[in-house]
Amino acid sequence: MAEIVPFPRTPHPSRSPRPQNGPEPLWRHLLGDQLRRRRHEREETLTETADKAGVSPQYLSEIERGLKEPSSEMIAAVAGALDTTLIELASSVADELRMASAPASAAVSVGARGALALAA
């Protein structure tokens, strides 16, 4: 029989501790914020954007409020309705997540090979 190994409850010693200002934001919340911001910039209603994306206004509203975990196909459809690409949208959300997760005193830089370096 296989051995069951419990997950440790304390942070791994080689990892930096989580910031004390609350839990890490969820992807779906940042995605929803990004979609709502882009829709508002275009001065579109939920119904207008939802019609273009082929989803219901209720579903788009739930995505924007971070209540739904949409599939990549749904995210791509909404991104297209907002005249952006899936990669552009995902990169923006990842940037926000990176900024929300980094300590305020940390500086993020990109090296010559595209690798991220974090300096405190």
PDB file of N, CA and C in Angstrom:
ATOM      1  N   MET A   1       0.813  -1.173   0.000  1.00  0.00           N
ATOM      2  CA  MET A   1       0.000   0.000   0.000  1.00  0.00           C
ATOM      3  C   MET A   1       0.866   1.250   0.000  1.00  0.00           C
ATOM      4  N   ALA A   2       0.359   2.308  -0.569  1.00  0.00           N
ATOM      5  CA  ALA A   2       1.094   3.565  -0.629  1.00  0.00           C
ATOM      6  C   ALA A   2       1.052   4.274   0.710  1.00  0.00           C
ATOM      7  N   GLU A   3       2.109   4.994   0.969  1.00  0.00           N
ATOM      8  CA  GLU A   3       2.194   5.762   2.206  1.00  0.00           C
ATOM      9  C   GLU A   3       1.570   7.144   1.988  1.00  0.00           C
ATOM     10  N   ILE A   4       0.773   7.594   2.919  1.00  0.00           N
ATOM     11  CA  ILE A   4       0.158   8.928   2.849  1.00  0.00           C
ATOM     12  C   ILE A   4       1.059   9.893   3.602  1.00  0.00           C
ATOM     13  N   VAL A   5       1.482  10.927   2.889  1.00  0.00           N
ATOM     14  CA  VAL A   5       2.372  11.918   3.482  1.00  0.00           C
ATOM     15  C   VAL A   5       1.592  13.215   3.653  1.00  0.00           C
ATOM     16  N   PRO A   6       1.453  13.705   4.870  1.00  0.00           N
ATOM     17  CA  PRO A   6       0.705  14.950   5.075  1.00  0.00           C
ATOM     18  C   PRO A   6       1.520  16.153   4.578  1.00  0.00           C
ATOM     19  N   PHE A   7       0.803  17.168   4.097  1.00  0.00           N
ATOM     20  CA  PHE A   7       1.453  18.403   3.682  1.00  0.00           C
ATOM     21  C   PHE A   7       1.866  19.186   4.917  1.00  0.00           C
ATOM     22  N   PRO A   8       3.053  19.769   4.885  1.00  0.00           N
ATOM     23  CA  PRO A   8       3.456  20.551   6.059  1.00  0.00           C
ATOM     24  C   PRO A   8       2.618  21.817   6.177  1.00  0.00           C
ATOM     25  N   ARG A   9       2.351  22.223   7.391  1.00  0.00           N
ATOM     26  CA  ARG A   9       1.535  23.410   7.634  1.00  0.00           C
ATOM     27  C   ARG A   9       2.395  24.668   7.767  1.00  0.00           C
ATOM     28  N   THR A  10       3.684  24.506   7.931  1.00  0.00           N
ATOM     29  CA  THR A  10       4.572  25.665   8.055  1.00  0.00           C
ATOM     30  C   THR A  10       5.210  25.947   6.704  1.00  0.00           C
ATOM     31  N   PRO A  11       5.579  27.219   6.424  1.00  0.00           N
ATOM     32  CA  PRO A  11       6.201  27.544   5.150  1.00  0.00           C
ATOM     33  C   PRO A  11       7.530  26.815   4.982  1.00  0.00           C
ATOM     34  N   HIS A  12       7.854  26.492   3.756  1.00  0.00           N
ATOM     35  CA  HIS A  12       9.120  25.850   3.424  1.00  0.00           C
ATOM     36  C   HIS A  12      10.243  26.817   3.784  1.00  0.00           C
ATOM     37  N   PRO A  13      11.328  26.358   4.432  1.00  0.00           N
ATOM     38  CA  PRO A  13      12.367  27.276   4.893  1.00  0.00           C
ATOM     39  C   PRO A  13      13.062  28.057   3.771  1.00  0.00           C
ATOM     40  N   SER A  14      13.126  27.515   2.554  1.00  0.00           N
ATOM     41  CA  SER A  14      13.820  28.222   1.477  1.00  0.00           C
ATOM     42  C   SER A  14      12.931  29.260   0.801  1.00  0.00           C
ATOM     43  N   ARG A  15      11.652  29.272   1.115  1.00  0.00           N
ATOM     44  CA  ARG A  15      10.726  30.231   0.512  1.00  0.00           C
ATOM     45  C   ARG A  15      10.544  31.420   1.428  1.00  0.00           C
ATOM     46  N   SER A  16      10.349  32.576   0.827  1.00  0.00           N
ATOM     47  CA  SER A  16      10.102  33.760   1.642  1.00  0.00           C
ATOM     48  C   SER A  16       8.686  33.695   2.206  1.00  0.00           C
ATOM     49  N   PRO A  17       8.461  34.250   3.373  1.00  0.00           N
ATOM     50  CA  PRO A  17       7.124  34.207   3.964  1.00  0.00           C
ATOM     51  C   PRO A  17       6.141  35.074   3.185  1.00  0.00           C
ATOM     52  N   ARG A  18       4.868  34.730   3.275  1.00  0.00           N
ATOM     53  CA  ARG A  18       3.804  35.505   2.631  1.00  0.00           C
ATOM     54  C   ARG A  18       3.726  36.874   3.279  1.00  0.00           C
ATOM     55  N   PRO A  19       3.409  37.894   2.512  1.00  0.00           N
ATOM     56  CA  PRO A  19       3.216  39.210   3.109  1.00  0.00           C
ATOM     57  C   PRO A  19       2.101  39.155   4.154  1.00  0.00           C
ATOM     58  N   GLN A  20       2.213  39.948   5.189  1.00  0.00           N
ATOM     59  CA  GLN A  20       1.254  39.944   6.277  1.00  0.00           C
ATOM     60  C   GLN A  20      -0.009  40.739   5.974  1.00  0.00           C
ATOM     61  N   ASN A  21      -0.121  41.305   4.766  1.00  0.00           N
ATOM     62  CA  ASN A  21      -1.259  42.162   4.454  1.00  0.00           C
ATOM     63  C   ASN A  21      -2.452  41.392   3.888  1.00  0.00           C
ATOM     64  N   GLY A  22      -2.531  40.104   4.126  1.00  0.00           N
ATOM     65  CA  GLY A  22      -3.697  39.342   3.701  1.00  0.00           C
ATOM     66  C   GLY A  22      -3.350  38.222   2.745  1.00  0.00           C
ATOM     67  N   PRO A  23      -4.366  37.456   2.355  1.00  0.00           N
ATOM     68  CA  PRO A  23      -4.121  36.314   1.471  1.00  0.00           C
ATOM     69  C   PRO A  23      -3.802  36.764   0.045  1.00  0.00           C
ATOM     70  N   GLU A  24      -3.126  35.901  -0.660  1.00  0.00           N
ATOM     71  CA  GLU A  24      -2.801  36.167  -2.057  1.00  0.00           C
ATOM     72  C   GLU A  24      -4.091  36.261  -2.867  1.00  0.00           C
ATOM     73  N   PRO A  25      -4.196  37.246  -3.759  1.00  0.00           N
ATOM     74  CA  PRO A  25      -5.433  37.362  -4.547  1.00  0.00           C
ATOM     75  C   PRO A  25      -5.594  36.167  -5.484  1.00  0.00           C
ATOM     76  N   LEU A  26      -6.823  35.833  -5.771  1.00  0.00           N
ATOM     77  CA  LEU A  26      -7.107  34.724  -6.669  1.00  0.00           C
ATOM     78  C   LEU A  26      -7.092  35.198  -8.120  1.00  0.00           C
ATOM     79  N   TRP A  27      -6.671  34.310  -9.010  1.00  0.00           N
ATOM     80  CA  TRP A  27      -6.618  34.597 -10.447  1.00  0.00           C
ATOM     81  C   TRP A  27      -7.969  35.089 -10.955  1.00  0.00           C
ATOM     82  N   ARG A  28      -9.043  34.398 -10.556  1.00  0.00           N
ATOM     83  CA  ARG A  28     -10.360  34.744 -11.086  1.00  0.00           C
ATOM     84  C   ARG A  28     -10.792  36.147 -10.668  1.00  0.00           C
ATOM     85  N   HIS A  29     -10.373  36.605  -9.477  1.00  0.00           N
ATOM     86  CA  HIS A  29     -10.720  37.962  -9.044  1.00  0.00           C
ATOM     87  C   HIS A  29      -9.975  39.002  -9.862  1.00  0.00           C
ATOM     88  N   LEU A  30      -8.688  38.775 -10.098  1.00  0.00           N
ATOM     89  CA  LEU A  30      -7.901  39.720 -10.897  1.00  0.00           C
ATOM     90  C   LEU A  30      -8.353  39.709 -12.349  1.00  0.00           C
ATOM     91  N   LEU A  31      -8.708  38.534 -12.864  1.00  0.00           N
ATOM     92  CA  LEU A  31      -9.225  38.437 -14.229  1.00  0.00           C
ATOM     93  C   LEU A  31     -10.512  39.248 -14.345  1.00  0.00           C
ATOM     94  N   GLY A  32     -11.418  39.070 -13.403  1.00  0.00           N
ATOM     95  CA  GLY A  32     -12.683  39.802 -13.429  1.00  0.00           C
ATOM     96  C   GLY A  32     -12.472  41.300 -13.371  1.00  0.00           C
ATOM     97  N   ASP A  33     -11.563  41.734 -12.504  1.00  0.00           N
ATOM     98  CA  ASP A  33     -11.258  43.166 -12.410  1.00  0.00           C
ATOM     99  C   ASP A  33     -10.719  43.695 -13.736  1.00  0.00           C
ATOM    100  N   GLN A  34      -9.834  42.934 -14.347  1.00  0.00           N
ATOM    101  CA  GLN A  34      -9.238  43.338 -15.627  1.00  0.00           C
ATOM    102  C   GLN A  34     -10.300  43.432 -16.731  1.00  0.00           C
ATOM    103  N   LEU A  35     -11.185  42.449 -16.785  1.00  0.00           N
ATOM    104  CA  LEU A  35     -12.242  42.459 -17.801  1.00  0.00           C
ATOM    105  C   LEU A  35     -13.188  43.637 -17.599  1.00  0.00           C
ATOM    106  N   ARG A  36     -13.593  43.871 -16.348  1.00  0.00           N
ATOM    107  CA  ARG A  36     -14.498  44.984 -16.063  1.00  0.00           C
ATOM    108  C   ARG A  36     -13.841  46.314 -16.421  1.00  0.00           C
ATOM    109  N   ARG A  37     -12.567  46.467 -16.050  1.00  0.00           N
ATOM    110  CA  ARG A  37     -11.840  47.709 -16.357  1.00  0.00           C
ATOM    111  C   ARG A  37     -11.784  47.947 -17.868  1.00  0.00           C
ATOM    112  N   ARG A  38     -11.476  46.910 -18.619  1.00  0.00           N
ATOM    113  CA  ARG A  38     -11.395  47.048 -20.082  1.00  0.00           C
ATOM    114  C   ARG A  38     -12.769  47.348 -20.689  1.00  0.00           C
ATOM    115  N   ARG A  39     -13.803  46.720 -20.146  1.00  0.00           N
ATOM    116  CA  ARG A  39     -15.156  46.981 -20.654  1.00  0.00           C
ATOM    117  C   ARG A  39     -15.563  48.420 -20.361  1.00  0.00           C
ATOM    118  N   HIS A  40     -15.266  48.890 -19.173  1.00  0.00           N
ATOM    119  CA  HIS A  40     -15.599  50.272 -18.824  1.00  0.00           C
ATOM    120  C   HIS A  40     -14.817  51.273 -19.668  1.00  0.00           C
ATOM    121  N   GLU A  41     -13.545  50.966 -19.956  1.00  0.00           N
ATOM    122  CA  GLU A  41     -12.749  51.845 -20.813  1.00  0.00           C
ATOM    123  C   GLU A  41     -13.395  51.994 -22.191  1.00  0.00           C
ATOM    124  N   ARG A  42     -14.051  50.926 -22.641  1.00  0.00           N
ATOM    125  CA  ARG A  42     -14.724  50.945 -23.942  1.00  0.00           C
ATOM    126  C   ARG A  42     -16.149  51.511 -23.836  1.00  0.00           C
ATOM    127  N   GLU A  43     -16.553  51.824 -22.606  1.00  0.00           N
ATOM    128  CA  GLU A  43     -17.889  52.358 -22.332  1.00  0.00           C
ATOM    129  C   GLU A  43     -18.990  51.443 -22.877  1.00  0.00           C
ATOM    130  N   GLU A  44     -18.810  50.142 -22.629  1.00  0.00           N
ATOM    131  CA  GLU A  44     -19.794  49.141 -23.049  1.00  0.00           C
ATOM    132  C   GLU A  44     -20.551  48.620 -21.841  1.00  0.00           C
ATOM    133  N   THR A  45     -21.785  48.222 -22.087  1.00  0.00           N
ATOM    134  CA  THR A  45     -22.580  47.581 -21.044  1.00  0.00           C
ATOM    135  C   THR A  45     -22.237  46.100 -20.998  1.00  0.00           C
ATOM    136  N   LEU A  46     -22.640  45.451 -19.909  1.00  0.00           N
ATOM    137  CA  LEU A  46     -22.469  43.997 -19.811  1.00  0.00           C
ATOM    138  C   LEU A  46     -23.131  43.304 -20.996  1.00  0.00           C
ATOM    139  N   THR A  47     -24.322  43.742 -21.348  1.00  0.00           N
ATOM    140  CA  THR A  47     -25.081  43.110 -22.425  1.00  0.00           C
ATOM    141  C   THR A  47     -24.364  43.244 -23.757  1.00  0.00           C
ATOM    142  N   GLU A  48     -23.815  44.427 -24.043  1.00  0.00           N
ATOM    143  CA  GLU A  48     -23.106  44.626 -25.316  1.00  0.00           C
ATOM    144  C   GLU A  48     -21.892  43.714 -25.432  1.00  0.00           C
ATOM    145  N   THR A  49     -21.085  43.670 -24.383  1.00  0.00           N
ATOM    146  CA  THR A  49     -19.885  42.829 -24.407  1.00  0.00           C
ATOM    147  C   THR A  49     -20.256  41.351 -24.417  1.00  0.00           C
ATOM    148  N   ALA A  50     -21.247  40.981 -23.622  1.00  0.00           N
ATOM    149  CA  ALA A  50     -21.679  39.579 -23.570  1.00  0.00           C
ATOM    150  C   ALA A  50     -22.198  39.117 -24.936  1.00  0.00           C
ATOM    151  N   ASP A  51     -22.964  39.960 -25.613  1.00  0.00           N
ATOM    152  CA  ASP A  51     -23.471  39.607 -26.942  1.00  0.00           C
ATOM    153  C   ASP A  51     -22.324  39.358 -27.912  1.00  0.00           C
ATOM    154  N   LYS A  52     -21.322  40.213 -27.886  1.00  0.00           N
ATOM    155  CA  LYS A  52     -20.163  40.040 -28.773  1.00  0.00           C
ATOM    156  C   LYS A  52     -19.401  38.753 -28.468  1.00  0.00           C
ATOM    157  N   ALA A  53     -19.339  38.409 -27.176  1.00  0.00           N
ATOM    158  CA  ALA A  53     -18.589  37.226 -26.756  1.00  0.00           C
ATOM    159  C   ALA A  53     -19.389  35.934 -26.888  1.00  0.00           C
ATOM    160  N   GLY A  54     -20.716  36.063 -27.043  1.00  0.00           N
ATOM    161  CA  GLY A  54     -21.549  34.867 -27.145  1.00  0.00           C
ATOM    162  C   GLY A  54     -21.831  34.219 -25.803  1.00  0.00           C
ATOM    163  N   VAL A  55     -21.852  35.039 -24.737  1.00  0.00           N
ATOM    164  CA  VAL A  55     -22.187  34.536 -23.403  1.00  0.00           C
ATOM    165  C   VAL A  55     -23.346  35.366 -22.868  1.00  0.00           C
ATOM    166  N   SER A  56     -23.959  34.913 -21.810  1.00  0.00           N
ATOM    167  CA  SER A  56     -25.060  35.678 -21.227  1.00  0.00           C
ATOM    168  C   SER A  56     -24.492  36.828 -20.385  1.00  0.00           C
ATOM    169  N   PRO A  57     -25.241  37.914 -20.266  1.00  0.00           N
ATOM    170  CA  PRO A  57     -24.790  39.013 -19.405  1.00  0.00           C
ATOM    171  C   PRO A  57     -24.604  38.560 -17.951  1.00  0.00           C
ATOM    172  N   GLN A  58     -25.450  37.638 -17.497  1.00  0.00           N
ATOM    173  CA  GLN A  58     -25.327  37.137 -16.129  1.00  0.00           C
ATOM    174  C   GLN A  58     -23.994  36.410 -15.929  1.00  0.00           C
ATOM    175  N   TYR A  59     -23.629  35.594 -16.929  1.00  0.00           N
ATOM    176  CA  TYR A  59     -22.366  34.847 -16.839  1.00  0.00           C
ATOM    177  C   TYR A  59     -21.184  35.804 -16.861  1.00  0.00           C
ATOM    178  N   LEU A  60     -21.210  36.801 -17.741  1.00  0.00           N
ATOM    179  CA  LEU A  60     -20.127  37.786 -17.795  1.00  0.00           C
ATOM    180  C   LEU A  60     -20.036  38.544 -16.474  1.00  0.00           C
ATOM    181  N   SER A  61     -21.170  38.882 -15.897  1.00  0.00           N
ATOM    182  CA  SER A  61     -21.185  39.568 -14.608  1.00  0.00           C
ATOM    183  C   SER A  61     -20.527  38.707 -13.529  1.00  0.00           C
ATOM    184  N   GLU A  62     -20.827  37.415 -13.528  1.00  0.00           N
ATOM    185  CA  GLU A  62     -20.237  36.507 -12.543  1.00  0.00           C
ATOM    186  C   GLU A  62     -18.732  36.370 -12.751  1.00  0.00           C
ATOM    187  N   ILE A  63     -18.283  36.380 -14.003  1.00  0.00           N
ATOM    188  CA  ILE A  63     -16.846  36.345 -14.289  1.00  0.00           C
ATOM    189  C   ILE A  63     -16.196  37.616 -13.743  1.00  0.00           C
ATOM    190  N   GLU A  64     -16.790  38.757 -14.042  1.00  0.00           N
ATOM    191  CA  GLU A  64     -16.230  40.044 -13.601  1.00  0.00           C
ATOM    192  C   GLU A  64     -16.174  40.164 -12.082  1.00  0.00           C
ATOM    193  N   ARG A  65     -17.111  39.535 -11.398  1.00  0.00           N
ATOM    194  CA  ARG A  65     -17.135  39.595  -9.934  1.00  0.00           C
ATOM    195  C   ARG A  65     -16.284  38.500  -9.300  1.00  0.00           C
ATOM    196  N   GLY A  66     -15.631  37.675 -10.124  1.00  0.00           N
ATOM    197  CA  GLY A  66     -14.765  36.625  -9.606  1.00  0.00           C
ATOM    198  C   GLY A  66     -15.497  35.437  -9.036  1.00  0.00           C
ATOM    199  N   LEU A  67     -16.765  35.258  -9.446  1.00  0.00           N
ATOM    200  CA  LEU A  67     -17.561  34.147  -8.927  1.00  0.00           C
ATOM    201  C   LEU A  67     -17.449  32.890  -9.776  1.00  0.00           C
ATOM    202  N   LYS A  68     -17.005  33.036 -11.025  1.00  0.00           N
ATOM    203  CA  LYS A  68     -16.879  31.898 -11.939  1.00  0.00           C
ATOM    204  C   LYS A  68     -15.433  31.715 -12.340  1.00  0.00           C
ATOM    205  N   GLU A  69     -15.034  30.477 -12.575  1.00  0.00           N
ATOM    206  CA  GLU A  69     -13.732  30.100 -13.117  1.00  0.00           C
ATOM    207  C   GLU A  69     -13.967  29.738 -14.572  1.00  0.00           C
ATOM    208  N   PRO A  70     -13.940  30.710 -15.480  1.00  0.00           N
ATOM    209  CA  PRO A  70     -14.252  30.411 -16.876  1.00  0.00           C
ATOM    210  C   PRO A  70     -13.153  29.594 -17.551  1.00  0.00           C
ATOM    211  N   SER A  71     -13.551  28.840 -18.568  1.00  0.00           N
ATOM    212  CA  SER A  71     -12.578  28.069 -19.351  1.00  0.00           C
ATOM    213  C   SER A  71     -11.753  29.030 -20.196  1.00  0.00           C
ATOM    214  N   SER A  72     -10.648  28.533 -20.718  1.00  0.00           N
ATOM    215  CA  SER A  72      -9.810  29.375 -21.568  1.00  0.00           C
ATOM    216  C   SER A  72     -10.564  29.800 -22.824  1.00  0.00           C
ATOM    217  N   GLU A  73     -11.475  28.969 -23.296  1.00  0.00           N
ATOM    218  CA  GLU A  73     -12.280  29.328 -24.464  1.00  0.00           C
ATOM    219  C   GLU A  73     -13.197  30.505 -24.152  1.00  0.00           C
ATOM    220  N   MET A  74     -13.792  30.505 -22.956  1.00  0.00           N
ATOM    221  CA  MET A  74     -14.664  31.611 -22.556  1.00  0.00           C
ATOM    222  C   MET A  74     -13.863  32.891 -22.367  1.00  0.00           C
ATOM    223  N   ILE A  75     -12.687  32.757 -21.734  1.00  0.00           N
ATOM    224  CA  ILE A  75     -11.840  33.936 -21.537  1.00  0.00           C
ATOM    225  C   ILE A  75     -11.430  34.506 -22.889  1.00  0.00           C
ATOM    226  N   ALA A  76     -11.073  33.638 -23.830  1.00  0.00           N
ATOM    227  CA  ALA A  76     -10.681  34.089 -25.166  1.00  0.00           C
ATOM    228  C   ALA A  76     -11.844  34.775 -25.871  1.00  0.00           C
ATOM    229  N   ALA A  77     -13.049  34.263 -25.706  1.00  0.00           N
ATOM    230  CA  ALA A  77     -14.222  34.871 -26.337  1.00  0.00           C
ATOM    231  C   ALA A  77     -14.473  36.272 -25.781  1.00  0.00           C
ATOM    232  N   VAL A  78     -14.381  36.426 -24.477  1.00  0.00           N
ATOM    233  CA  VAL A  78     -14.589  37.737 -23.867  1.00  0.00           C
ATOM    234  C   VAL A  78     -13.450  38.676 -24.244  1.00  0.00           C
ATOM    235  N   ALA A  79     -12.227  38.163 -24.254  1.00  0.00           N
ATOM    236  CA  ALA A  79     -11.083  38.986 -24.663  1.00  0.00           C
ATOM    237  C   ALA A  79     -11.281  39.493 -26.086  1.00  0.00           C
ATOM    238  N   GLY A  80     -11.713  38.612 -26.977  1.00  0.00           N
ATOM    239  CA  GLY A  80     -11.965  39.016 -28.363  1.00  0.00           C
ATOM    240  C   GLY A  80     -13.046  40.071 -28.462  1.00  0.00           C
ATOM    241  N   ALA A  81     -14.071  39.935 -27.630  1.00  0.00           N
ATOM    242  CA  ALA A  81     -15.152  40.922 -27.625  1.00  0.00           C
ATOM    243  C   ALA A  81     -14.650  42.283 -27.157  1.00  0.00           C
ATOM    244  N   LEU A  82     -13.567  42.282 -26.390  1.00  0.00           N
ATOM    245  CA  LEU A  82     -12.984  43.530 -25.889  1.00  0.00           C
ATOM    246  C   LEU A  82     -11.779  43.964 -26.728  1.00  0.00           C
ATOM    247  N   ASP A  83     -11.648  43.379 -27.912  1.00  0.00           N
ATOM    248  CA  ASP A  83     -10.553  43.698 -28.845  1.00  0.00           C
ATOM    249  C   ASP A  83      -9.171  43.532 -28.229  1.00  0.00           C
ATOM    250  N   THR A  84      -8.992  42.454 -27.487  1.00  0.00           N
ATOM    251  CA  THR A  84      -7.678  42.110 -26.961  1.00  0.00           C
ATOM    252  C   THR A  84      -7.466  40.619 -27.200  1.00  0.00           C
ATOM    253  N   THR A  85      -6.288  40.132 -26.905  1.00  0.00           N
ATOM    254  CA  THR A  85      -5.988  38.713 -27.099  1.00  0.00           C
ATOM    255  C   THR A  85      -5.914  38.011 -25.752  1.00  0.00           C
ATOM    256  N   LEU A  86      -6.006  36.716 -25.795  1.00  0.00           N
ATOM    257  CA  LEU A  86      -5.902  35.913 -24.581  1.00  0.00           C
ATOM    258  C   LEU A  86      -4.538  36.120 -23.930  1.00  0.00           C
ATOM    259  N   ILE A  87      -3.482  36.150 -24.725  1.00  0.00           N
ATOM    260  CA  ILE A  87      -2.140  36.319 -24.171  1.00  0.00           C
ATOM    261  C   ILE A  87      -1.974  37.698 -23.544  1.00  0.00           C
ATOM    262  N   GLU A  88      -2.533  38.734 -24.167  1.00  0.00           N
ATOM    263  CA  GLU A  88      -2.462  40.087 -23.615  1.00  0.00           C
ATOM    264  C   GLU A  88      -3.189  40.155 -22.272  1.00  0.00           C
ATOM    265  N   LEU A  89      -4.372  39.579 -22.252  1.00  0.00           N
ATOM    266  CA  LEU A  89      -5.176  39.582 -21.038  1.00  0.00           C
ATOM    267  C   LEU A  89      -4.497  38.775 -19.934  1.00  0.00           C
ATOM    268  N   ALA A  90      -4.020  37.583 -20.265  1.00  0.00           N
ATOM    269  CA  ALA A  90      -3.360  36.734 -19.275  1.00  0.00           C
ATOM    270  C   ALA A  90      -2.092  37.401 -18.744  1.00  0.00           C
ATOM    271  N   SER A  91      -1.350  38.065 -19.605  1.00  0.00           N
ATOM    272  CA  SER A  91      -0.134  38.765 -19.174  1.00  0.00           C
ATOM    273  C   SER A  91      -0.469  39.898 -18.219  1.00  0.00           C
ATOM    274  N   SER A  92      -1.520  40.635 -18.512  1.00  0.00           N
ATOM    275  CA  SER A  92      -1.932  41.735 -17.630  1.00  0.00           C
ATOM    276  C   SER A  92      -2.344  41.211 -16.262  1.00  0.00           C
ATOM    277  N   VAL A  93      -3.094  40.122 -16.252  1.00  0.00           N
ATOM    278  CA  VAL A  93      -3.523  39.535 -14.980  1.00  0.00           C
ATOM    279  C   VAL A  93      -2.310  39.009 -14.211  1.00  0.00           C
ATOM    280  N   ALA A  94      -1.382  38.363 -14.920  1.00  0.00           N
ATOM    281  CA  ALA A  94      -0.172  37.846 -14.269  1.00  0.00           C
ATOM    282  C   ALA A  94       0.659  38.988 -13.698  1.00  0.00           C
ATOM    283  N   ASP A  95       0.755  40.097 -14.414  1.00  0.00           N
ATOM    284  CA  ASP A  95       1.487  41.266 -13.909  1.00  0.00           C
ATOM    285  C   ASP A  95       0.854  41.784 -12.629  1.00  0.00           C
ATOM    286  N   GLU A  96      -0.472  41.869 -12.604  1.00  0.00           N
ATOM    287  CA  GLU A  96      -1.176  42.327 -11.401  1.00  0.00           C
ATOM    288  C   GLU A  96      -0.953  41.362 -10.237  1.00  0.00           C
ATOM    289  N   LEU A  97      -0.998  40.074 -10.535  1.00  0.00           N
ATOM    290  CA  LEU A  97      -0.782  39.066  -9.501  1.00  0.00           C
ATOM    291  C   LEU A  97       0.633  39.168  -8.958  1.00  0.00           C
ATOM    292  N   ARG A  98       1.594  39.364  -9.842  1.00  0.00           N
ATOM    293  CA  ARG A  98       2.987  39.522  -9.436  1.00  0.00           C
ATOM    294  C   ARG A  98       3.150  40.739  -8.523  1.00  0.00           C
ATOM    295  N   MET A  99       2.519  41.850  -8.910  1.00  0.00           N
ATOM    296  CA  MET A  99       2.627  43.071  -8.108  1.00  0.00           C
ATOM    297  C   MET A  99       1.928  42.906  -6.761  1.00  0.00           C
ATOM    298  N   ALA A 100       0.801  42.232  -6.735  1.00  0.00           N
ATOM    299  CA  ALA A 100       0.064  42.038  -5.492  1.00  0.00           C
ATOM    300  C   ALA A 100       0.792  41.085  -4.548  1.00  0.00           C
ATOM    301  N   SER A 101       1.581  40.176  -5.102  1.00  0.00           N
ATOM    302  CA  SER A 101       2.262  39.172  -4.300  1.00  0.00           C
ATOM    303  C   SER A 101       3.636  39.614  -3.826  1.00  0.00           C
ATOM    304  N   ALA A 102       4.241  40.582  -4.517  1.00  0.00           N
ATOM    305  CA  ALA A 102       5.591  41.013  -4.166  1.00  0.00           C
ATOM    306  C   ALA A 102       5.550  41.937  -2.959  1.00  0.00           C
ATOM    307  N   PRO A 103       6.519  41.810  -2.060  1.00  0.00           N
ATOM    308  CA  PRO A 103       6.596  42.758  -0.946  1.00  0.00           C
ATOM    309  C   PRO A 103       6.800  44.174  -1.484  1.00  0.00           C
ATOM    310  N   ALA A 104       6.295  45.154  -0.781  1.00  0.00           N
ATOM    311  CA  ALA A 104       6.355  46.542  -1.239  1.00  0.00           C
ATOM    312  C   ALA A 104       7.781  47.016  -1.450  1.00  0.00           C
ATOM    313  N   SER A 105       8.748  46.482  -0.696  1.00  0.00           N
ATOM    314  CA  SER A 105      10.121  46.938  -0.811  1.00  0.00           C
ATOM    315  C   SER A 105      10.882  46.224  -1.915  1.00  0.00           C
ATOM    316  N   ALA A 106      10.263  45.224  -2.551  1.00  0.00           N
ATOM    317  CA  ALA A 106      10.957  44.450  -3.572  1.00  0.00           C
ATOM    318  C   ALA A 106      10.907  45.154  -4.920  1.00  0.00           C
ATOM    319  N   ALA A 107      11.968  45.000  -5.674  1.00  0.00           N
ATOM    320  CA  ALA A 107      12.025  45.543  -7.033  1.00  0.00           C
ATOM    321  C   ALA A 107      12.124  44.378  -7.998  1.00  0.00           C
ATOM    322  N   VAL A 108      11.353  44.410  -9.065  1.00  0.00           N
ATOM    323  CA  VAL A 108      11.365  43.349 -10.055  1.00  0.00           C
ATOM    324  C   VAL A 108      12.079  43.861 -11.287  1.00  0.00           C
ATOM    325  N   SER A 109      13.030  43.081 -11.799  1.00  0.00           N
ATOM    326  CA  SER A 109      13.715  43.466 -13.027  1.00  0.00           C
ATOM    327  C   SER A 109      13.805  42.268 -13.951  1.00  0.00           C
ATOM    328  N   VAL A 110      13.907  42.542 -15.243  1.00  0.00           N
ATOM    329  CA  VAL A 110      14.020  41.489 -16.234  1.00  0.00           C
ATOM    330  C   VAL A 110      15.425  41.480 -16.770  1.00  0.00           C
ATOM    331  N   GLY A 111      16.072  40.323 -16.708  1.00  0.00           N
ATOM    332  CA  GLY A 111      17.452  40.196 -17.166  1.00  0.00           C
ATOM    333  C   GLY A 111      17.530  40.053 -18.679  1.00  0.00           C
ATOM    334  N   ALA A 112      18.759  39.909 -19.182  1.00  0.00           N
ATOM    335  CA  ALA A 112      19.004  39.832 -20.619  1.00  0.00           C
ATOM    336  C   ALA A 112      18.312  38.637 -21.268  1.00  0.00           C
ATOM    337  N   ARG A 113      18.181  37.558 -20.544  1.00  0.00           N
ATOM    338  CA  ARG A 113      17.547  36.353 -21.088  1.00  0.00           C
ATOM    339  C   ARG A 113      16.058  36.312 -20.810  1.00  0.00           C
ATOM    340  N   GLY A 114      15.495  37.381 -20.276  1.00  0.00           N
ATOM    341  CA  GLY A 114      14.075  37.412 -19.988  1.00  0.00           C
ATOM    342  C   GLY A 114      13.723  36.819 -18.633  1.00  0.00           C
ATOM    343  N   ALA A 115      14.737  36.482 -17.833  1.00  0.00           N
ATOM    344  CA  ALA A 115      14.473  35.912 -16.509  1.00  0.00           C
ATOM    345  C   ALA A 115      14.175  37.041 -15.535  1.00  0.00           C
ATOM    346  N   LEU A 116      13.248  36.789 -14.646  1.00  0.00           N
ATOM    347  CA  LEU A 116      12.899  37.796 -13.640  1.00  0.00           C
ATOM    348  C   LEU A 116      13.838  37.701 -12.466  1.00  0.00           C
ATOM    349  N   ALA A 117      14.259  38.839 -11.972  1.00  0.00           N
ATOM    350  CA  ALA A 117      15.096  38.891 -10.767  1.00  0.00           C
ATOM    351  C   ALA A 117      14.344  39.742  -9.752  1.00  0.00           C
ATOM    352  N   LEU A 118      14.371  39.302  -8.508  1.00  0.00           N
ATOM    353  CA  LEU A 118      13.667  40.006  -7.454  1.00  0.00           C
ATOM    354  C   LEU A 118      14.704  40.463  -6.436  1.00  0.00           C
ATOM    355  N   ALA A 119      14.719  41.768  -6.179  1.00  0.00           N
ATOM    356  CA  ALA A 119      15.675  42.322  -5.216  1.00  0.00           C
ATOM    357  C   ALA A 119      14.909  43.046  -4.128  1.00  0.00           C
ATOM    358  N   ALA A 120      15.312  42.810  -2.896  1.00  0.00           N
ATOM    359  CA  ALA A 120      14.644  43.474  -1.763  1.00  0.00           C
ATOM    360  C   ALA A 120      15.448  44.660  -1.296  1.00  0.00           C
TER     361      ALA A 120
END
